[in-house]
């Protein structure tokens, strides 16, 4: 008489455990997905900043890259 109740409780506990694990797994995958998406966004932002820097240096010309402009002007 008590055995079916124990079996039912064990099955309910197992189902609850599986559901909780599934939710945790889904949350973990969602977090990893967001992390991966942020990595892509950060890489795109870094590439855009690099393109802007290269363009700015190209428009500035070679004098902007000269480490000693004062010495050249003094000569």
Protein backbone atom coordinates (compact mmCIF):
# COMPACT_ATOMS: atom_id res chain seq x y z
CA UNK A 1 0.00 0.00 0.00
CA UNK A 2 2.82 2.39 0.85
CA UNK A 3 5.03 1.25 -2.06
CA UNK A 4 3.01 3.00 -4.82
CA UNK A 5 3.16 6.27 -2.86
CA UNK A 6 6.93 5.97 -2.48
CA UNK A 7 7.33 5.15 -6.18
CA UNK A 8 5.13 8.10 -7.15
CA UNK A 9 7.13 10.43 -4.88
CA UNK A 10 10.39 9.16 -6.35
CA UNK A 11 9.11 9.71 -9.89
CA UNK A 12 7.91 13.21 -8.99
CA UNK A 13 11.29 14.03 -7.45
CA UNK A 14 13.08 12.74 -10.55
CA UNK A 15 10.87 14.78 -12.87
CA UNK A 16 11.40 17.89 -10.73
CA UNK A 17 15.17 17.35 -10.80
CA UNK A 18 15.17 16.91 -14.57
CA UNK A 19 13.05 20.02 -15.11
CA UNK A 20 15.33 22.12 -12.87
CA UNK A 21 18.44 20.80 -14.64
CA UNK A 22 16.87 21.55 -18.02
CA UNK A 23 16.10 25.13 -16.95
CA UNK A 24 19.63 25.60 -15.65
CA UNK A 25 21.06 24.18 -18.88
CA UNK A 26 18.86 26.48 -20.95
CA UNK A 27 19.92 29.49 -18.88
CA UNK A 28 23.58 28.53 -19.22
CA UNK A 29 23.28 28.18 -23.01
CA UNK A 30 21.46 31.52 -23.20
CA UNK A 31 24.24 33.18 -21.19
CA UNK A 32 26.89 31.62 -23.42
CA UNK A 33 24.98 32.79 -26.47
CA UNK A 34 24.81 36.34 -25.14
CA UNK A 35 28.51 36.19 -24.30
CA UNK A 36 29.29 35.01 -27.81
CA UNK A 37 27.15 37.74 -29.31
CA UNK A 38 28.89 40.35 -27.18
CA UNK A 39 32.27 39.03 -28.32
CA UNK A 40 31.19 39.51 -31.93
CA UNK A 41 29.88 43.01 -31.19
CA UNK A 42 33.13 43.93 -29.40
CA UNK A 43 35.22 42.61 -32.30
CA UNK A 44 33.15 44.64 -34.76
CA UNK A 45 33.58 47.77 -32.61
CA UNK A 46 37.34 47.24 -32.39
CA UNK A 47 37.55 46.80 -36.17
CA UNK A 48 35.53 49.98 -36.69
CA UNK A 49 37.81 51.91 -34.33
CA UNK A 50 40.86 50.60 -36.20
CA UNK A 51 39.36 51.71 -39.54
CA UNK A 52 38.61 55.16 -38.11
CA UNK A 53 42.18 55.43 -36.77
CA UNK A 54 43.70 54.43 -40.13
CA UNK A 55 41.47 56.92 -41.95
CA UNK A 56 42.36 59.70 -39.50
CA UNK A 57 46.08 58.99 -39.91
CA UNK A 58 45.74 58.95 -43.69
CA UNK A 59 44.00 62.34 -43.71
CA UNK A 60 46.47 63.78 -41.21
CA UNK A 61 49.40 62.96 -43.46
CA UNK A 62 52.95 61.90 -42.64
CA UNK A 63 53.70 64.95 -40.49
CA UNK A 64 51.31 63.64 -37.86
CA UNK A 65 53.42 60.49 -37.50
CA UNK A 66 56.77 62.34 -37.23
CA UNK A 67 58.07 61.76 -33.67
CA UNK A 68 60.33 64.86 -33.72
CA UNK A 69 58.59 67.69 -35.58
CA UNK A 70 60.30 70.37 -33.49
CA UNK A 71 63.82 69.30 -34.44
CA UNK A 72 63.03 69.30 -38.14
CA UNK A 73 61.48 72.78 -37.88
CA UNK A 74 64.49 74.07 -35.94
CA UNK A 75 66.93 72.98 -38.65
